[in-house]
Amino acid sequence: MVDQRLIPLFPLPLVQFPGALTPLHIFEPRYRKMLEDALAADRTFGIVYQSQSPGAATKEISVGCSVEIIDDTLLPDGRSNILCRGIRRFRVEEYLDGEPYLRARIGFFDDETPSRELGEQVARVSELLRAVVVLGQRLGDALPGVDTSSVDLPAEAELLSLIVCSYVNVELDEKQNLLELRDTAARLEIAGRWLEKILNEYERRLFAKEVAGKNGHHGPFSVEP
């Protein structure tokens, strides 16, 4: 049975993932109204990716993510700063008119049941992400949205794969494809490849930084024959 409901939609040039924290600045009158209505109800709305490409249409996007407002600050001029946490992915079933902001009837969905044990992939991706965070701290280049004081990662494979995809800086169209993907194993594999590339780049930069700090007195290099 599909879990369906009616929610406000906020089209934005970002891809929201479950578990990810997103700060937003609300200033347009229609989205002030949306925020007011959401706060008066259950503090939730949906975020859908709106491409900045010329001619891109919001209603072409059929998959987004619901968010919960976990903090809100109303400014004197009526604008607001809010902090949202991604909850669950959804597919738009029907767009509805009647409000100054976009609304839709949506159905929530999760990944399809994985066909094999994913424990090894979860452990590998978790280890890579922790390594990336540690080296990022040393380089002053932390991943956005990652709490570097404590890297507590979910053990559940689907949520881990989605959170890692939210952290990594890649093209938004590619992120949207991964949000829509329903194969946990495939998403973990892609996330692991991304993290390996980041880790390799961080290690290269850290090595260069350490060598530069020795002012040419790095000693001999070992070269494999």
N, C-alpha and C. Protein backbone atom coordinates (compact mmCIF):
# COMPACT_ATOMS: atom_id res chain seq x y z
N MET A 1 0.84 -1.20 0.00
CA MET A 1 0.00 0.00 0.00
C MET A 1 0.87 1.25 0.00
N VAL A 2 0.60 2.18 -0.91
CA VAL A 2 1.39 3.40 -1.03
C VAL A 2 0.91 4.42 -0.01
N ASP A 3 1.85 5.01 0.72
CA ASP A 3 1.56 6.04 1.70
C ASP A 3 1.43 7.37 0.96
N GLN A 4 0.18 7.87 0.82
CA GLN A 4 -0.07 9.09 0.04
C GLN A 4 -0.50 10.23 0.95
N ARG A 5 -0.21 11.46 0.53
CA ARG A 5 -0.67 12.64 1.25
C ARG A 5 -0.54 13.86 0.35
N LEU A 6 -1.11 14.97 0.80
CA LEU A 6 -1.05 16.24 0.08
C LEU A 6 -0.09 17.15 0.83
N ILE A 7 0.92 17.69 0.13
CA ILE A 7 1.91 18.56 0.79
C ILE A 7 2.22 19.78 -0.07
N PRO A 8 2.67 20.88 0.58
CA PRO A 8 3.20 22.02 -0.18
C PRO A 8 4.54 21.62 -0.81
N LEU A 9 4.86 22.22 -1.94
CA LEU A 9 6.12 21.95 -2.61
C LEU A 9 6.93 23.24 -2.74
N PHE A 10 8.24 23.11 -2.51
CA PHE A 10 9.15 24.24 -2.65
C PHE A 10 10.19 23.88 -3.71
N PRO A 11 10.07 24.38 -4.95
CA PRO A 11 11.08 24.10 -5.98
C PRO A 11 12.35 24.91 -5.69
N LEU A 12 13.49 24.24 -5.66
CA LEU A 12 14.76 24.90 -5.35
C LEU A 12 15.88 24.33 -6.22
N PRO A 13 16.94 25.10 -6.46
CA PRO A 13 18.08 24.58 -7.23
C PRO A 13 19.01 23.73 -6.36
N LEU A 14 18.43 22.72 -5.69
CA LEU A 14 19.19 21.78 -4.88
C LEU A 14 18.44 20.47 -4.85
N VAL A 15 19.16 19.41 -4.50
CA VAL A 15 18.55 18.09 -4.37
C VAL A 15 18.58 17.71 -2.90
N GLN A 16 17.40 17.61 -2.30
CA GLN A 16 17.28 17.28 -0.87
C GLN A 16 17.28 15.77 -0.70
N PHE A 17 18.03 15.28 0.29
CA PHE A 17 18.07 13.85 0.59
C PHE A 17 17.57 13.59 2.00
N PRO A 18 16.99 12.42 2.26
CA PRO A 18 16.62 12.06 3.63
C PRO A 18 17.84 12.12 4.55
N GLY A 19 17.64 12.66 5.74
CA GLY A 19 18.71 12.73 6.72
C GLY A 19 19.58 13.96 6.63
N ALA A 20 19.54 14.67 5.51
CA ALA A 20 20.40 15.85 5.31
C ALA A 20 19.76 17.10 5.88
N LEU A 21 20.58 17.96 6.49
CA LEU A 21 20.12 19.24 7.03
C LEU A 21 20.28 20.33 5.98
N THR A 22 19.25 21.16 5.82
CA THR A 22 19.27 22.21 4.81
C THR A 22 18.76 23.52 5.40
N PRO A 23 19.61 24.55 5.48
CA PRO A 23 19.14 25.88 5.91
C PRO A 23 18.53 26.62 4.73
N LEU A 24 17.43 27.32 4.96
CA LEU A 24 16.75 28.05 3.90
C LEU A 24 16.38 29.46 4.38
N HIS A 25 16.42 30.39 3.44
CA HIS A 25 16.00 31.78 3.71
C HIS A 25 14.71 32.02 2.93
N ILE A 26 13.63 32.29 3.63
CA ILE A 26 12.33 32.45 3.00
C ILE A 26 12.01 33.94 2.88
N PHE A 27 11.82 34.41 1.64
CA PHE A 27 11.56 35.84 1.45
C PHE A 27 10.41 36.13 0.50
N GLU A 28 10.14 35.26 -0.49
CA GLU A 28 9.04 35.52 -1.41
C GLU A 28 7.70 35.40 -0.69
N PRO A 29 6.72 36.29 -0.99
CA PRO A 29 5.42 36.24 -0.32
C PRO A 29 4.73 34.88 -0.39
N ARG A 30 4.78 34.20 -1.55
CA ARG A 30 4.09 32.92 -1.66
C ARG A 30 4.72 31.86 -0.76
N TYR A 31 6.05 31.93 -0.57
CA TYR A 31 6.69 30.93 0.29
C TYR A 31 6.64 31.33 1.76
N ARG A 32 6.44 32.62 2.03
CA ARG A 32 6.12 33.02 3.41
C ARG A 32 4.78 32.39 3.80
N LYS A 33 3.82 32.44 2.86
CA LYS A 33 2.51 31.82 3.11
C LYS A 33 2.66 30.32 3.27
N MET A 34 3.48 29.69 2.44
CA MET A 34 3.71 28.25 2.55
C MET A 34 4.29 27.90 3.92
N LEU A 35 5.27 28.70 4.37
CA LEU A 35 5.89 28.46 5.67
C LEU A 35 4.88 28.63 6.79
N GLU A 36 4.07 29.68 6.70
CA GLU A 36 3.04 29.91 7.72
C GLU A 36 2.09 28.73 7.81
N ASP A 37 1.66 28.23 6.65
CA ASP A 37 0.73 27.09 6.63
C ASP A 37 1.40 25.83 7.17
N ALA A 38 2.67 25.61 6.81
CA ALA A 38 3.38 24.42 7.27
C ALA A 38 3.56 24.44 8.79
N LEU A 39 3.91 25.61 9.34
CA LEU A 39 4.12 25.73 10.79
C LEU A 39 2.80 25.55 11.55
N ALA A 40 1.71 25.93 10.93
CA ALA A 40 0.41 25.78 11.57
C ALA A 40 -0.11 24.34 11.49
N ALA A 41 0.49 23.55 10.61
CA ALA A 41 0.07 22.15 10.43
C ALA A 41 1.07 21.21 11.09
N ASP A 42 1.81 20.45 10.30
CA ASP A 42 2.73 19.45 10.87
C ASP A 42 4.19 19.78 10.64
N ARG A 43 4.48 21.04 10.22
CA ARG A 43 5.85 21.54 10.04
C ARG A 43 6.61 20.83 8.91
N THR A 44 5.89 20.29 7.95
CA THR A 44 6.54 19.60 6.84
C THR A 44 6.12 20.20 5.50
N PHE A 45 7.01 20.05 4.52
CA PHE A 45 6.71 20.37 3.13
C PHE A 45 7.66 19.55 2.27
N GLY A 46 7.54 19.66 0.98
CA GLY A 46 8.40 18.90 0.08
C GLY A 46 9.33 19.81 -0.70
N ILE A 47 10.54 19.35 -0.93
CA ILE A 47 11.49 20.07 -1.79
C ILE A 47 11.68 19.27 -3.07
N VAL A 48 11.53 19.96 -4.20
CA VAL A 48 11.78 19.34 -5.50
C VAL A 48 12.86 20.15 -6.20
N TYR A 49 13.71 19.45 -6.91
CA TYR A 49 14.83 20.08 -7.62
C TYR A 49 14.33 20.85 -8.83
N GLN A 50 14.69 22.12 -8.91
CA GLN A 50 14.37 22.95 -10.06
C GLN A 50 15.67 23.33 -10.75
N SER A 51 15.88 22.79 -11.93
CA SER A 51 17.09 23.09 -12.68
C SER A 51 17.13 24.56 -13.06
N GLN A 52 18.35 25.11 -13.07
CA GLN A 52 18.53 26.50 -13.47
C GLN A 52 18.74 26.63 -14.98
N SER A 53 18.66 25.51 -15.70
CA SER A 53 18.83 25.55 -17.15
C SER A 53 17.67 26.31 -17.79
N PRO A 54 17.94 27.11 -18.84
CA PRO A 54 16.87 27.85 -19.51
C PRO A 54 15.77 26.92 -20.01
N GLY A 55 14.53 27.28 -19.69
CA GLY A 55 13.40 26.51 -20.18
C GLY A 55 13.03 25.32 -19.32
N ALA A 56 13.79 25.06 -18.23
CA ALA A 56 13.47 23.91 -17.37
C ALA A 56 12.16 24.18 -16.64
N ALA A 57 11.30 23.17 -16.59
CA ALA A 57 9.99 23.32 -15.97
C ALA A 57 9.95 22.56 -14.65
N THR A 58 9.44 23.20 -13.61
CA THR A 58 9.35 22.56 -12.30
C THR A 58 8.53 21.28 -12.36
N LYS A 59 7.42 21.32 -13.09
CA LYS A 59 6.51 20.18 -13.07
C LYS A 59 7.04 18.98 -13.85
N GLU A 60 8.21 19.13 -14.46
CA GLU A 60 8.85 17.97 -15.07
C GLU A 60 9.48 17.07 -14.01
N ILE A 61 9.76 17.62 -12.82
CA ILE A 61 10.38 16.85 -11.75
C ILE A 61 9.30 16.08 -11.01
N SER A 62 9.43 14.77 -10.97
CA SER A 62 8.38 13.95 -10.35
C SER A 62 8.82 13.35 -9.01
N VAL A 63 10.11 13.47 -8.65
CA VAL A 63 10.60 12.89 -7.40
C VAL A 63 11.27 13.97 -6.56
N GLY A 64 10.90 14.04 -5.28
CA GLY A 64 11.49 14.98 -4.35
C GLY A 64 11.64 14.35 -2.99
N CYS A 65 11.82 15.20 -1.96
CA CYS A 65 12.02 14.70 -0.60
C CYS A 65 11.25 15.58 0.37
N SER A 66 10.53 14.97 1.27
CA SER A 66 9.83 15.75 2.30
C SER A 66 10.83 16.18 3.36
N VAL A 67 10.55 17.32 3.98
CA VAL A 67 11.42 17.84 5.04
C VAL A 67 10.57 18.27 6.23
N GLU A 68 11.20 18.24 7.39
CA GLU A 68 10.59 18.74 8.62
C GLU A 68 11.32 20.01 9.04
N ILE A 69 10.58 21.03 9.41
CA ILE A 69 11.17 22.27 9.91
C ILE A 69 11.56 22.05 11.36
N ILE A 70 12.87 22.04 11.64
CA ILE A 70 13.31 21.77 13.01
C ILE A 70 13.71 23.05 13.74
N ASP A 71 13.84 24.16 13.01
CA ASP A 71 14.11 25.44 13.65
C ASP A 71 13.64 26.55 12.71
N ASP A 72 13.04 27.61 13.28
CA ASP A 72 12.59 28.72 12.44
C ASP A 72 12.76 30.02 13.20
N THR A 73 13.22 31.05 12.48
CA THR A 73 13.42 32.38 13.05
C THR A 73 12.75 33.40 12.14
N LEU A 74 11.74 34.09 12.68
CA LEU A 74 11.04 35.13 11.93
C LEU A 74 11.79 36.44 12.10
N LEU A 75 12.14 37.07 10.98
CA LEU A 75 12.85 38.34 10.99
C LEU A 75 11.87 39.51 11.02
N PRO A 76 12.30 40.70 11.46
CA PRO A 76 11.39 41.85 11.61
C PRO A 76 10.66 42.24 10.33
N ASP A 77 11.27 42.02 9.17
CA ASP A 77 10.64 42.42 7.91
C ASP A 77 9.76 41.34 7.30
N GLY A 78 9.54 40.25 8.02
CA GLY A 78 8.66 39.19 7.53
C GLY A 78 9.37 38.03 6.88
N ARG A 79 10.66 38.21 6.57
CA ARG A 79 11.43 37.08 6.05
C ARG A 79 11.72 36.10 7.19
N SER A 80 12.15 34.88 6.84
CA SER A 80 12.44 33.87 7.85
C SER A 80 13.68 33.07 7.48
N ASN A 81 14.41 32.64 8.49
CA ASN A 81 15.47 31.66 8.33
C ASN A 81 15.00 30.37 8.99
N ILE A 82 15.08 29.28 8.24
CA ILE A 82 14.63 28.00 8.78
C ILE A 82 15.70 26.93 8.55
N LEU A 83 15.64 25.89 9.38
CA LEU A 83 16.51 24.73 9.21
C LEU A 83 15.62 23.52 9.05
N CYS A 84 15.86 22.76 7.97
CA CYS A 84 15.03 21.60 7.64
C CYS A 84 15.86 20.32 7.67
N ARG A 85 15.20 19.23 7.98
CA ARG A 85 15.83 17.91 7.92
C ARG A 85 15.05 17.03 6.96
N GLY A 86 15.76 16.41 6.01
CA GLY A 86 15.11 15.54 5.05
C GLY A 86 14.50 14.32 5.72
N ILE A 87 13.29 13.97 5.31
CA ILE A 87 12.58 12.85 5.93
C ILE A 87 12.48 11.64 5.00
N ARG A 88 11.77 11.81 3.88
CA ARG A 88 11.50 10.63 3.04
C ARG A 88 11.28 11.06 1.60
N ARG A 89 11.69 10.21 0.68
CA ARG A 89 11.50 10.50 -0.75
C ARG A 89 10.04 10.28 -1.15
N PHE A 90 9.63 11.02 -2.17
CA PHE A 90 8.27 10.87 -2.67
C PHE A 90 8.25 11.02 -4.18
N ARG A 91 7.18 10.51 -4.77
CA ARG A 91 6.90 10.70 -6.19
C ARG A 91 5.62 11.50 -6.32
N VAL A 92 5.64 12.53 -7.15
CA VAL A 92 4.45 13.35 -7.36
C VAL A 92 3.42 12.57 -8.17
N GLU A 93 2.23 12.46 -7.60
CA GLU A 93 1.13 11.79 -8.30
C GLU A 93 0.26 12.78 -9.06
N GLU A 94 0.10 14.00 -8.48
CA GLU A 94 -0.78 15.00 -9.10
C GLU A 94 -0.44 16.38 -8.54
N TYR A 95 -0.27 17.35 -9.43
CA TYR A 95 -0.08 18.74 -9.00
C TYR A 95 -1.46 19.39 -8.83
N LEU A 96 -1.58 20.23 -7.79
CA LEU A 96 -2.86 20.85 -7.47
C LEU A 96 -2.73 22.36 -7.43
N ASP A 97 -3.75 23.06 -7.92
CA ASP A 97 -3.81 24.51 -7.86
C ASP A 97 -4.64 24.94 -6.65
N GLY A 98 -4.73 26.26 -6.42
CA GLY A 98 -5.58 26.75 -5.35
C GLY A 98 -4.85 27.53 -4.28
N GLU A 99 -3.52 27.50 -4.28
CA GLU A 99 -2.73 28.28 -3.33
C GLU A 99 -1.69 29.09 -4.12
N PRO A 100 -1.14 30.15 -3.52
CA PRO A 100 -0.10 30.90 -4.24
C PRO A 100 1.18 30.10 -4.43
N TYR A 101 1.34 29.01 -3.69
CA TYR A 101 2.51 28.15 -3.84
C TYR A 101 2.07 26.80 -4.42
N LEU A 102 3.04 26.04 -4.89
CA LEU A 102 2.77 24.76 -5.52
C LEU A 102 2.41 23.71 -4.48
N ARG A 103 1.41 22.89 -4.79
CA ARG A 103 1.04 21.76 -3.94
C ARG A 103 0.94 20.51 -4.80
N ALA A 104 1.05 19.35 -4.17
CA ALA A 104 0.95 18.11 -4.93
C ALA A 104 0.45 16.98 -4.04
N ARG A 105 -0.23 16.07 -4.67
CA ARG A 105 -0.55 14.81 -4.00
C ARG A 105 0.61 13.87 -4.31
N ILE A 106 1.22 13.33 -3.27
CA ILE A 106 2.44 12.55 -3.47
C ILE A 106 2.32 11.16 -2.83
N GLY A 107 3.18 10.27 -3.26
CA GLY A 107 3.28 8.94 -2.67
C GLY A 107 4.71 8.68 -2.25
N PHE A 108 4.92 8.32 -0.99
CA PHE A 108 6.26 8.04 -0.49
C PHE A 108 6.76 6.70 -1.02
N PHE A 109 8.07 6.56 -1.14
CA PHE A 109 8.64 5.29 -1.58
C PHE A 109 10.01 5.09 -0.95
N ASP A 110 10.46 3.86 -0.92
CA ASP A 110 11.78 3.49 -0.43
C ASP A 110 12.46 2.64 -1.50
N ASP A 111 13.71 2.27 -1.24
CA ASP A 111 14.40 1.38 -2.17
C ASP A 111 13.71 0.02 -2.20
N GLU A 112 13.90 -0.66 -3.31
CA GLU A 112 13.43 -2.04 -3.37
C GLU A 112 14.29 -2.90 -2.46
N THR A 113 13.76 -3.99 -1.96
CA THR A 113 14.50 -4.85 -1.05
C THR A 113 15.78 -5.35 -1.71
N PRO A 114 16.94 -5.10 -1.10
CA PRO A 114 18.19 -5.56 -1.71
C PRO A 114 18.21 -7.08 -1.84
N SER A 115 18.80 -7.54 -2.93
CA SER A 115 18.81 -8.98 -3.21
C SER A 115 19.94 -9.71 -2.51
N ARG A 116 20.87 -8.96 -1.87
CA ARG A 116 21.97 -9.63 -1.19
C ARG A 116 22.40 -8.82 0.02
N GLU A 117 23.17 -9.42 0.87
CA GLU A 117 23.66 -8.77 2.08
C GLU A 117 24.56 -7.59 1.72
N LEU A 118 24.32 -6.45 2.37
CA LEU A 118 25.06 -5.24 2.04
C LEU A 118 25.99 -4.81 3.17
N GLY A 119 26.22 -5.68 4.14
CA GLY A 119 27.05 -5.33 5.29
C GLY A 119 28.45 -4.89 4.91
N GLU A 120 29.07 -5.58 3.97
CA GLU A 120 30.44 -5.23 3.56
C GLU A 120 30.46 -3.86 2.89
N GLN A 121 29.47 -3.57 2.05
CA GLN A 121 29.41 -2.27 1.39
C GLN A 121 29.18 -1.15 2.40
N VAL A 122 28.31 -1.39 3.37
CA VAL A 122 28.04 -0.39 4.40
C VAL A 122 29.30 -0.08 5.18
N ALA A 123 30.04 -1.14 5.57
CA ALA A 123 31.28 -0.94 6.34
C ALA A 123 32.31 -0.17 5.51
N ARG A 124 32.43 -0.50 4.23
CA ARG A 124 33.41 0.16 3.36
C ARG A 124 33.08 1.63 3.19
N VAL A 125 31.83 1.95 2.89
CA VAL A 125 31.43 3.34 2.67
C VAL A 125 31.56 4.14 3.96
N SER A 126 31.19 3.55 5.09
CA SER A 126 31.32 4.24 6.38
C SER A 126 32.78 4.55 6.68
N GLU A 127 33.67 3.58 6.43
CA GLU A 127 35.10 3.79 6.68
C GLU A 127 35.66 4.88 5.77
N LEU A 128 35.25 4.87 4.51
CA LEU A 128 35.73 5.89 3.57
C LEU A 128 35.26 7.28 3.98
N LEU A 129 33.98 7.39 4.38
CA LEU A 129 33.47 8.70 4.76
C LEU A 129 34.18 9.23 6.00
N ARG A 130 34.44 8.37 6.97
CA ARG A 130 35.15 8.81 8.17
C ARG A 130 36.57 9.28 7.81
N ALA A 131 37.22 8.56 6.92
CA ALA A 131 38.57 8.95 6.50
C ALA A 131 38.54 10.29 5.77
N VAL A 132 37.54 10.50 4.93
CA VAL A 132 37.41 11.76 4.21
C VAL A 132 37.19 12.91 5.18
N VAL A 133 36.35 12.70 6.18
CA VAL A 133 36.08 13.75 7.16
C VAL A 133 37.34 14.10 7.95
N VAL A 134 38.10 13.08 8.37
CA VAL A 134 39.32 13.32 9.15
C VAL A 134 40.34 14.11 8.34
N LEU A 135 40.59 13.68 7.10
CA LEU A 135 41.55 14.41 6.26
C LEU A 135 41.03 15.79 5.88
N GLY A 136 39.71 15.88 5.69
CA GLY A 136 39.13 17.19 5.38
C GLY A 136 39.34 18.18 6.52
N GLN A 137 39.24 17.70 7.75
CA GLN A 137 39.52 18.56 8.91
C GLN A 137 40.97 19.05 8.88
N ARG A 138 41.90 18.15 8.57
CA ARG A 138 43.32 18.53 8.56
C ARG A 138 43.62 19.54 7.46
N LEU A 139 42.82 19.49 6.39
CA LEU A 139 43.03 20.40 5.27
C LEU A 139 42.13 21.64 5.35
N GLY A 140 41.27 21.68 6.35
CA GLY A 140 40.33 22.79 6.44
C GLY A 140 39.31 22.78 5.33
N ASP A 141 38.92 21.59 4.90
CA ASP A 141 38.03 21.45 3.74
C ASP A 141 36.96 20.41 4.06
N ALA A 142 36.21 20.65 5.15
CA ALA A 142 35.21 19.68 5.59
C ALA A 142 34.06 19.59 4.60
N LEU A 143 33.44 18.42 4.53
CA LEU A 143 32.26 18.24 3.68
C LEU A 143 31.10 19.06 4.25
N PRO A 144 30.34 19.73 3.39
CA PRO A 144 29.21 20.53 3.89
C PRO A 144 28.16 19.65 4.53
N GLY A 145 27.67 20.09 5.69
CA GLY A 145 26.60 19.35 6.37
C GLY A 145 27.08 18.23 7.25
N VAL A 146 28.39 17.94 7.28
CA VAL A 146 28.91 16.86 8.10
C VAL A 146 29.37 17.42 9.44
N ASP A 147 28.89 16.84 10.53
CA ASP A 147 29.33 17.23 11.87
C ASP A 147 30.68 16.59 12.11
N THR A 148 31.74 17.38 12.00
CA THR A 148 33.09 16.84 12.09
C THR A 148 33.50 16.52 13.52
N SER A 149 32.71 16.95 14.50
CA SER A 149 33.06 16.64 15.89
C SER A 149 32.75 15.19 16.23
N SER A 150 31.83 14.59 15.52
CA SER A 150 31.46 13.19 15.77
C SER A 150 30.81 12.63 14.52
N VAL A 151 31.45 11.65 13.92
CA VAL A 151 30.91 11.08 12.68
C VAL A 151 30.11 9.83 13.02
N ASP A 152 28.87 10.03 13.43
CA ASP A 152 27.98 8.92 13.74
C ASP A 152 27.13 8.64 12.51
N LEU A 153 27.35 7.50 11.90
CA LEU A 153 26.69 7.17 10.65
C LEU A 153 25.64 6.09 10.87
N PRO A 154 24.55 6.15 10.10
CA PRO A 154 23.52 5.12 10.24
C PRO A 154 24.03 3.77 9.75
N ALA A 155 23.60 2.71 10.42
CA ALA A 155 23.99 1.36 10.01
C ALA A 155 23.07 0.85 8.90
N GLU A 156 21.93 1.51 8.71
CA GLU A 156 20.97 1.07 7.71
C GLU A 156 21.47 1.48 6.33
N ALA A 157 21.54 0.51 5.42
CA ALA A 157 22.21 0.69 4.13
C ALA A 157 21.57 1.79 3.29
N GLU A 158 20.26 1.81 3.17
CA GLU A 158 19.60 2.79 2.30
C GLU A 158 19.85 4.21 2.79
N LEU A 159 19.65 4.45 4.09
CA LEU A 159 19.84 5.80 4.62
C LEU A 159 21.30 6.23 4.51
N LEU A 160 22.23 5.33 4.77
CA LEU A 160 23.65 5.67 4.63
C LEU A 160 23.97 6.10 3.20
N SER A 161 23.48 5.34 2.23
CA SER A 161 23.77 5.66 0.83
C SER A 161 23.21 7.01 0.45
N LEU A 162 22.03 7.35 0.95
CA LEU A 162 21.40 8.63 0.63
C LEU A 162 22.13 9.79 1.30
N ILE A 163 22.56 9.59 2.54
CA ILE A 163 23.26 10.66 3.25
C ILE A 163 24.60 10.96 2.58
N VAL A 164 25.34 9.92 2.19
CA VAL A 164 26.62 10.15 1.52
C VAL A 164 26.41 10.91 0.22
N CYS A 165 25.37 10.54 -0.53
CA CYS A 165 25.10 11.25 -1.79
C CYS A 165 24.76 12.72 -1.55
N SER A 166 24.17 13.02 -0.41
CA SER A 166 23.84 14.42 -0.11
C SER A 166 25.09 15.22 0.21
N TYR A 167 26.14 14.57 0.75
CA TYR A 167 27.35 15.27 1.16
C TYR A 167 28.27 15.61 -0.02
N VAL A 168 28.33 14.73 -1.00
CA VAL A 168 29.35 14.85 -2.04
C VAL A 168 28.94 15.90 -3.08
N ASN A 169 29.91 16.72 -3.45
CA ASN A 169 29.66 17.82 -4.39
C ASN A 169 29.82 17.33 -5.83
N VAL A 170 28.69 16.98 -6.44
CA VAL A 170 28.67 16.57 -7.85
C VAL A 170 27.55 17.33 -8.54
N GLU A 171 27.42 17.14 -9.85
CA GLU A 171 26.38 17.83 -10.61
C GLU A 171 24.99 17.49 -10.04
N LEU A 172 24.11 18.51 -9.98
CA LEU A 172 22.80 18.31 -9.38
C LEU A 172 21.95 17.32 -10.16
N ASP A 173 22.08 17.30 -11.47
CA ASP A 173 21.32 16.32 -12.26
C ASP A 173 21.71 14.89 -11.87
N GLU A 174 23.00 14.70 -11.58
CA GLU A 174 23.47 13.38 -11.16
C GLU A 174 22.92 13.04 -9.77
N LYS A 175 22.88 14.03 -8.89
CA LYS A 175 22.30 13.80 -7.57
C LYS A 175 20.81 13.44 -7.68
N GLN A 176 20.11 14.13 -8.58
CA GLN A 176 18.68 13.84 -8.74
C GLN A 176 18.48 12.40 -9.22
N ASN A 177 19.35 11.94 -10.11
CA ASN A 177 19.25 10.55 -10.57
C ASN A 177 19.42 9.57 -9.42
N LEU A 178 20.34 9.89 -8.50
CA LEU A 178 20.58 9.01 -7.36
C LEU A 178 19.45 9.08 -6.34
N LEU A 179 18.80 10.24 -6.24
CA LEU A 179 17.63 10.34 -5.38
C LEU A 179 16.51 9.44 -5.90
N GLU A 180 16.37 9.38 -7.21
CA GLU A 180 15.31 8.58 -7.82
C GLU A 180 15.64 7.09 -7.86
N LEU A 181 16.93 6.75 -7.79
CA LEU A 181 17.35 5.35 -7.87
C LEU A 181 16.77 4.53 -6.72
N ARG A 182 16.34 3.31 -7.00
CA ARG A 182 15.74 2.45 -5.96
C ARG A 182 16.58 1.22 -5.68
N ASP A 183 17.85 1.27 -6.05
CA ASP A 183 18.77 0.16 -5.85
C ASP A 183 19.83 0.58 -4.83
N THR A 184 19.71 0.09 -3.60
CA THR A 184 20.63 0.49 -2.53
C THR A 184 22.07 0.11 -2.85
N ALA A 185 22.25 -1.12 -3.33
CA ALA A 185 23.61 -1.60 -3.62
C ALA A 185 24.28 -0.74 -4.67
N ALA A 186 23.54 -0.38 -5.72
CA ALA A 186 24.12 0.45 -6.79
C ALA A 186 24.48 1.83 -6.25
N ARG A 187 23.63 2.40 -5.39
CA ARG A 187 23.92 3.72 -4.85
C ARG A 187 25.13 3.68 -3.93
N LEU A 188 25.26 2.64 -3.13
CA LEU A 188 26.43 2.48 -2.26
C LEU A 188 27.71 2.35 -3.08
N GLU A 189 27.63 1.64 -4.19
CA GLU A 189 28.80 1.46 -5.04
C GLU A 189 29.24 2.80 -5.63
N ILE A 190 28.28 3.60 -6.10
CA ILE A 190 28.61 4.91 -6.65
C ILE A 190 29.16 5.82 -5.56
N ALA A 191 28.53 5.81 -4.39
CA ALA A 191 29.00 6.64 -3.27
C ALA A 191 30.41 6.26 -2.87
N GLY A 192 30.71 4.97 -2.86
CA GLY A 192 32.05 4.52 -2.51
C GLY A 192 33.09 5.00 -3.51
N ARG A 193 32.76 4.98 -4.80
CA ARG A 193 33.69 5.47 -5.82
C ARG A 193 33.94 6.96 -5.65
N TRP A 194 32.89 7.72 -5.37
CA TRP A 194 33.05 9.16 -5.14
C TRP A 194 33.99 9.41 -3.96
N LEU A 195 33.75 8.70 -2.85
CA LEU A 195 34.55 8.92 -1.65
C LEU A 195 36.01 8.53 -1.87
N GLU A 196 36.25 7.47 -2.64
CA GLU A 196 37.63 7.09 -2.96
C GLU A 196 38.34 8.20 -3.72
N LYS A 197 37.66 8.82 -4.67
CA LYS A 197 38.27 9.91 -5.43
C LYS A 197 38.57 11.10 -4.52
N ILE A 198 37.64 11.42 -3.64
CA ILE A 198 37.87 12.53 -2.70
C ILE A 198 39.03 12.21 -1.78
N LEU A 199 39.07 10.99 -1.26
CA LEU A 199 40.14 10.59 -0.35
C LEU A 199 41.50 10.65 -1.04
N ASN A 200 41.57 10.17 -2.27
CA ASN A 200 42.83 10.22 -3.02
C ASN A 200 43.29 11.66 -3.23
N GLU A 201 42.35 12.55 -3.53
CA GLU A 201 42.69 13.96 -3.72
C GLU A 201 43.15 14.60 -2.41
N TYR A 202 42.46 14.27 -1.31
CA TYR A 202 42.87 14.80 0.00
C TYR A 202 44.26 14.32 0.37
N GLU A 203 44.55 13.04 0.12
CA GLU A 203 45.87 12.49 0.45
C GLU A 203 46.95 13.18 -0.39
N ARG A 204 46.66 13.44 -1.66
CA ARG A 204 47.62 14.13 -2.52
C ARG A 204 47.89 15.54 -2.00
N ARG A 205 46.81 16.26 -1.63
CA ARG A 205 46.96 17.61 -1.12
C ARG A 205 47.69 17.63 0.21
N LEU A 206 47.40 16.66 1.07
CA LEU A 206 48.05 16.62 2.37
C LEU A 206 49.54 16.33 2.22
N PHE A 207 49.88 15.44 1.31
CA PHE A 207 51.28 15.12 1.05
C PHE A 207 52.02 16.37 0.55
N ALA A 208 51.40 17.08 -0.39
CA ALA A 208 52.01 18.30 -0.93
C ALA A 208 52.17 19.35 0.17
N LYS A 209 51.19 19.44 1.04
CA LYS A 209 51.26 20.42 2.13
C LYS A 209 52.39 20.08 3.10
N GLU A 210 52.54 18.79 3.42
CA GLU A 210 53.58 18.38 4.36
C GLU A 210 54.97 18.57 3.75
N VAL A 211 55.13 18.25 2.46
CA VAL A 211 56.42 18.42 1.79
C VAL A 211 56.77 19.91 1.73
N ALA A 212 55.78 20.75 1.39
CA ALA A 212 56.04 22.19 1.31
C ALA A 212 56.46 22.74 2.67
N GLY A 213 55.88 22.18 3.74
CA GLY A 213 56.20 22.65 5.08
C GLY A 213 57.62 22.32 5.51
N LYS A 214 58.24 21.34 4.84
CA LYS A 214 59.62 20.97 5.18
C LYS A 214 60.64 21.80 4.42
N ASN A 215 60.13 22.69 3.55
CA ASN A 215 61.00 23.64 2.84
C ASN A 215 62.14 22.94 2.09
N GLY A 216 61.78 21.84 1.43
CA GLY A 216 62.77 21.14 0.61
C GLY A 216 63.56 20.08 1.35
N HIS A 217 63.36 19.92 2.66
CA HIS A 217 64.13 18.94 3.44
C HIS A 217 63.26 17.71 3.73
N HIS A 218 62.67 17.18 2.70
CA HIS A 218 61.77 16.05 2.89
C HIS A 218 62.47 14.72 2.91
N GLY A 219 63.76 14.68 2.57
CA GLY A 219 64.48 13.41 2.55
C GLY A 219 64.25 12.69 1.25
N PRO A 220 64.88 11.54 1.09
CA PRO A 220 64.80 10.80 -0.18
C PRO A 220 63.45 10.14 -0.37
N PHE A 221 63.03 9.99 -1.61
CA PHE A 221 61.81 9.28 -1.96
C PHE A 221 62.18 7.86 -2.36
N SER A 222 61.34 6.91 -1.99
CA SER A 222 61.54 5.52 -2.41
C SER A 222 60.77 5.30 -3.70
N VAL A 223 61.46 4.75 -4.69
CA VAL A 223 60.84 4.48 -5.99
C VAL A 223 60.90 3.00 -6.26
N GLU A 224 59.77 2.41 -6.54
CA GLU A 224 59.73 0.98 -6.86
C GLU A 224 60.38 0.75 -8.21
N PRO A 225 61.21 -0.28 -8.31
CA PRO A 225 61.86 -0.57 -9.59
C PRO A 225 60.84 -1.05 -10.63
